[in-house]
Amino acid sequence: MLGQLIKPLLQQPSARIILSSTLHCSAVLFGEPLKKKKRIDPLIEQNRLRRKVRKIEKEIKRFTRQDRQLKPIAEIEGDRQLYKQLEVRRRPPVDVNENEVDRRAVLMKDWARYQSQVAQTEYRMFKTVIRAQRRALDWLYVTSPELYKAAIQPCCTVNTTSDDSHTIPTLPLSISGPYHSPPMVHGDALDCPEVYDPPDGEAVDTTPIFQYEFELDRQFLADPKKKKLELRKTGNNASTD
């Protein structure tokens, strides 16, 4: 459409110069005339706010009549799913007759008597071995003091397995086990004598937030009386207008 309008103008040489310097396309503007604001009746707006205030006051009275709603504690309340399965999980009491009670008591006494005999046997065996070792060391001290000193030295022999594939040294033995307290760490070095200042960690707040069933509007909760005065003023101004 635009090309058909420009084509007859381009036939004149003077028109080409004029069009090349002045003819251009304007940007698309999405504009429309402003809409008139609908005038709301002040009485309707006032009644709407009064109903809202009345509803909030009613909720406040309901909260004051009831006891204060406490925050739930998960450790006290427990799992609701387990409460539903309480009857299924509850075991019925088992009735044990007198003969079964006597049998269990006799069995426990026999087991205690057997364990006592085992402990006494092991104690006598260890005592006999230690007595024989002391007697041998006493005779060795009398016959050869040098061999006695060599005998009481820590044993540096090795323990061999059944297949003799590898040997395990017994003494001297060094073990790096768990610490009673945290080890001294300086950077990447462990058990370093230098003082290590650990960096501060990040604190993540995991406190659960409890939401009540009804949240009052802060605008009316701040000062509801002031809102009533403002409503009356607006009503008077509307009536004067």
Protein backbone atom coordinates (compact mmCIF):
# COMPACT_ATOMS: atom_id res chain seq x y z
CA MET A 1 0.00 0.00 0.00
CA LEU A 2 2.79 2.39 0.93
CA GLY A 3 4.71 1.50 -2.24
CA GLN A 4 1.75 2.41 -4.47
CA LEU A 5 1.55 5.84 -2.86
CA ILE A 6 5.26 6.53 -3.19
CA LYS A 7 5.65 5.27 -6.79
CA PRO A 8 4.07 8.34 -8.58
CA LEU A 9 6.16 10.68 -6.44
CA LEU A 10 9.41 8.98 -7.37
CA GLN A 11 8.89 9.78 -11.10
CA GLN A 12 10.00 13.40 -10.55
CA PRO A 13 13.77 13.91 -9.90
CA SER A 14 13.17 16.69 -7.35
CA ALA A 15 10.78 14.48 -5.42
CA ARG A 16 13.45 11.82 -4.92
CA ILE A 17 15.71 14.27 -3.12
CA ILE A 18 12.88 15.47 -0.91
CA LEU A 19 11.69 11.95 -0.05
CA SER A 20 15.15 10.66 0.80
CA SER A 21 15.64 13.41 3.37
CA THR A 22 12.18 13.79 4.89
CA LEU A 23 10.15 10.63 4.32
CA HIS A 24 10.42 8.12 7.20
CA CYS A 25 8.29 5.69 9.17
CA SER A 26 7.17 6.66 12.66
CA ALA A 27 7.13 4.27 15.60
CA VAL A 28 3.95 2.46 16.56
CA LEU A 29 2.40 4.12 19.60
CA PHE A 30 -0.17 2.18 21.59
CA GLY A 31 -2.10 5.01 23.12
CA GLU A 32 -5.68 5.55 24.04
CA PRO A 33 -7.59 8.29 25.78
CA LEU A 34 -7.68 8.14 29.55
CA LYS A 35 -10.65 6.42 31.08
CA LYS A 36 -12.86 8.26 33.44
CA LYS A 37 -12.58 7.12 37.01
CA LYS A 38 -15.75 5.63 38.26
CA ARG A 39 -17.05 7.60 41.15
CA ILE A 40 -17.90 5.27 44.02
CA ASP A 41 -20.59 6.23 46.42
CA PRO A 42 -18.94 7.16 49.76
CA LEU A 43 -21.69 5.39 51.68
CA ILE A 44 -20.99 2.11 49.86
CA GLU A 45 -17.26 2.38 50.57
CA GLN A 46 -17.94 3.30 54.17
CA ASN A 47 -20.27 0.32 54.66
CA ARG A 48 -17.69 -1.98 53.11
CA LEU A 49 -15.01 -0.84 55.54
CA ARG A 50 -17.41 -1.10 58.47
CA ARG A 51 -18.21 -4.69 57.58
CA LYS A 52 -14.51 -5.47 57.44
CA VAL A 53 -13.91 -3.87 60.83
CA ARG A 54 -16.90 -5.70 62.30
CA LYS A 55 -15.56 -9.02 61.02
CA ILE A 56 -12.15 -8.39 62.56
CA GLU A 57 -13.67 -7.38 65.90
CA LYS A 58 -15.75 -10.56 65.87
CA GLU A 59 -12.62 -12.66 65.35
CA ILE A 60 -10.84 -10.82 68.17
CA LYS A 61 -13.72 -11.57 70.54
CA ARG A 62 -13.65 -15.22 69.53
CA PHE A 63 -9.94 -15.43 70.33
CA THR A 64 -10.39 -13.75 73.71
CA ARG A 65 -13.19 -16.15 74.70
CA GLN A 66 -11.13 -19.23 73.86
CA ASP A 67 -7.89 -20.29 75.50
CA ARG A 68 -4.67 -19.22 73.96
CA GLN A 69 -3.63 -21.48 71.09
CA LEU A 70 -0.25 -23.00 71.91
CA LYS A 71 2.39 -23.87 69.37
CA PRO A 72 2.56 -27.60 68.61
CA ILE A 73 5.65 -29.51 69.74
CA ALA A 74 6.60 -32.44 67.56
CA GLU A 75 8.37 -34.29 70.40
CA ILE A 76 5.23 -34.22 72.57
CA GLU A 77 2.57 -34.77 69.94
CA GLY A 78 4.34 -37.61 68.16
CA ASP A 79 3.65 -39.03 64.75
CA ARG A 80 -0.03 -39.05 63.80
CA GLN A 81 0.46 -42.09 61.58
CA LEU A 82 1.70 -44.05 64.59
CA TYR A 83 -1.30 -42.90 66.60
CA LYS A 84 -3.56 -44.35 63.91
CA GLN A 85 -1.68 -47.66 64.08
CA LEU A 86 -1.65 -47.76 67.87
CA GLU A 87 -4.24 -50.51 68.17
CA VAL A 88 -2.50 -52.59 65.52
CA ARG A 89 0.92 -52.23 67.12
CA ARG A 90 -0.21 -52.91 70.68
CA ARG A 91 0.67 -56.46 71.69
CA PRO A 92 -1.76 -58.36 73.84
CA PRO A 93 -0.44 -59.50 77.23
CA VAL A 94 0.83 -63.08 77.33
CA ASP A 95 -0.47 -65.23 80.14
CA VAL A 96 2.34 -67.45 81.48
CA ASN A 97 1.41 -70.34 83.72
CA GLU A 98 3.31 -71.29 86.86
CA ASN A 99 5.12 -74.22 85.24
CA GLU A 100 6.58 -71.94 82.54
CA VAL A 101 7.66 -69.40 85.16
CA ASP A 102 9.43 -72.12 87.18
CA ARG A 103 11.11 -73.51 84.06
CA ARG A 104 12.49 -70.09 83.11
CA ALA A 105 13.76 -69.49 86.64
CA VAL A 106 15.55 -72.86 86.72
CA LEU A 107 17.05 -72.20 83.27
CA MET A 108 18.44 -68.82 84.37
CA LYS A 109 19.96 -70.37 87.50
CA ASP A 110 21.60 -73.15 85.48
CA TRP A 111 23.05 -70.60 83.05
CA ALA A 112 24.42 -68.45 85.89
CA ARG A 113 25.95 -71.53 87.56
CA TYR A 114 27.61 -72.60 84.29
CA GLN A 115 29.10 -69.16 83.65
CA SER A 116 30.45 -69.07 87.20
CA GLN A 117 32.20 -72.40 86.68
CA VAL A 118 33.74 -71.17 83.40
CA ALA A 119 35.07 -68.00 85.07
CA GLN A 120 36.59 -69.98 87.98
CA THR A 121 38.26 -72.44 85.59
CA GLU A 122 39.85 -69.63 83.54
CA TYR A 123 41.01 -67.84 86.69
CA ARG A 124 42.72 -71.03 88.02
CA MET A 125 44.38 -71.64 84.64
CA PHE A 126 45.77 -68.08 84.41
CA LYS A 127 46.95 -68.25 88.00
CA THR A 128 48.81 -71.53 87.34
CA VAL A 129 50.53 -70.12 84.23
CA ILE A 130 51.63 -66.94 86.03
CA ARG A 131 52.99 -68.96 88.98
CA ALA A 132 55.00 -71.18 86.63
CA GLN A 133 56.39 -68.13 84.79
CA ARG A 134 57.52 -66.50 88.03
CA ARG A 135 59.18 -69.76 89.21
CA ALA A 136 61.08 -70.04 85.91
CA LEU A 137 62.27 -66.43 86.09
CA ASP A 138 63.47 -66.92 89.67
CA TRP A 139 65.57 -69.97 88.71
CA LEU A 140 66.90 -68.07 85.65
CA TYR A 141 67.96 -65.13 87.83
CA VAL A 142 69.91 -67.50 90.10
CA THR A 143 71.61 -69.39 87.29
CA SER A 144 72.29 -66.59 84.75
CA PRO A 145 71.55 -62.90 85.46
CA GLU A 146 72.36 -61.98 81.83
CA LEU A 147 69.72 -64.35 80.47
CA TYR A 148 67.28 -63.07 83.07
CA LYS A 149 67.74 -59.46 81.87
CA ALA A 150 67.26 -60.61 78.29
CA ALA A 151 64.13 -62.56 79.24
CA ILE A 152 62.39 -59.60 80.87
CA GLN A 153 62.96 -57.34 77.85
CA PRO A 154 59.94 -56.57 75.58
CA CYS A 155 59.40 -59.29 73.02
CA CYS A 156 60.34 -58.19 69.48
CA THR A 157 59.43 -61.42 67.73
CA VAL A 158 56.88 -61.68 64.95
CA ASN A 159 53.68 -63.63 64.66
CA THR A 160 53.40 -65.78 61.56
CA THR A 161 50.16 -66.93 60.03
CA SER A 162 49.31 -70.54 59.27
CA ASP A 163 50.34 -70.29 55.61
CA ASP A 164 53.54 -68.28 56.44
CA SER A 165 52.68 -65.82 53.68
CA HIS A 166 53.31 -62.71 55.77
CA THR A 167 54.49 -61.83 59.25
CA ILE A 168 52.95 -59.41 61.73
CA PRO A 169 55.28 -57.57 64.15
CA THR A 170 54.10 -57.60 67.75
CA LEU A 171 56.46 -55.21 69.58
CA PRO A 172 57.34 -52.39 69.41
CA LEU A 173 53.79 -51.56 68.44
CA SER A 174 52.44 -48.11 67.54
CA ILE A 175 48.71 -47.58 67.17
CA SER A 176 46.98 -44.40 66.03
CA GLY A 177 43.51 -44.85 67.40
CA PRO A 178 40.59 -42.56 68.11
CA TYR A 179 41.33 -39.48 70.18
CA HIS A 180 39.66 -38.63 73.47
CA SER A 181 39.60 -34.99 72.32
CA PRO A 182 39.64 -33.38 68.86
CA PRO A 183 43.16 -33.39 67.31
CA MET A 184 45.09 -30.16 66.91
CA VAL A 185 44.81 -29.21 63.25
CA HIS A 186 46.71 -26.35 61.61
CA GLY A 187 45.73 -26.13 57.97
CA ASP A 188 46.41 -29.55 56.46
CA ALA A 189 48.79 -30.62 59.25
CA LEU A 190 47.50 -32.94 61.96
CA ASP A 191 48.66 -32.68 65.61
CA CYS A 192 50.46 -29.43 64.83
CA PRO A 193 51.81 -27.50 67.87
CA GLU A 194 50.84 -24.18 66.28
CA VAL A 195 47.58 -22.58 67.30
CA TYR A 196 44.91 -22.96 64.65
CA ASP A 197 42.12 -20.41 64.49
CA PRO A 198 39.17 -22.14 62.79
CA PRO A 199 36.99 -20.02 60.50
CA ASP A 200 33.47 -19.12 61.49
CA GLY A 201 30.84 -21.41 60.07
CA GLU A 202 27.49 -20.55 58.60
CA ALA A 203 24.51 -20.51 60.92
CA VAL A 204 21.38 -21.89 59.30
CA ASP A 205 18.16 -21.03 61.11
CA THR A 206 15.92 -24.10 61.14
CA THR A 207 13.35 -22.77 63.59
CA PRO A 208 9.86 -23.81 62.44
CA ILE A 209 7.41 -20.93 62.00
CA PHE A 210 3.93 -21.54 63.35
CA GLN A 211 1.06 -19.95 61.41
CA TYR A 212 -2.24 -19.38 63.16
CA GLU A 213 -5.52 -20.12 61.44
CA PHE A 214 -6.61 -16.49 61.23
CA GLU A 215 -4.30 -13.56 60.52
CA LEU A 216 -5.67 -10.09 61.34
CA ASP A 217 -5.14 -7.26 58.93
CA ARG A 218 -2.23 -5.17 60.21
CA GLN A 219 -3.82 -2.01 58.98
CA PHE A 220 -6.81 -2.50 61.29
CA LEU A 221 -4.89 -4.29 64.02
CA ALA A 222 -2.56 -1.32 64.53
CA ASP A 223 -5.21 1.16 65.60
CA PRO A 224 -8.83 0.20 64.86
CA LYS A 225 -10.24 3.25 66.69
CA LYS A 226 -8.31 5.61 64.47
CA LYS A 227 -9.75 3.91 61.42
CA LYS A 228 -13.24 4.46 62.73
CA LEU A 229 -12.52 8.17 63.16
CA GLU A 230 -11.18 8.40 59.63
CA LEU A 231 -14.30 6.69 58.34
CA ARG A 232 -16.49 9.23 60.09
CA LYS A 233 -14.45 12.10 58.72
CA THR A 234 -14.66 10.78 55.19
CA GLY A 235 -18.40 10.35 55.61
CA ASN A 236 -18.81 13.97 56.76
CA ASN A 237 -16.70 15.26 53.88
CA ALA A 238 -18.71 13.21 51.43
CA SER A 239 -21.93 14.62 52.79
CA THR A 240 -20.63 18.22 52.52
CA ASP A 241 -19.60 17.56 48.92
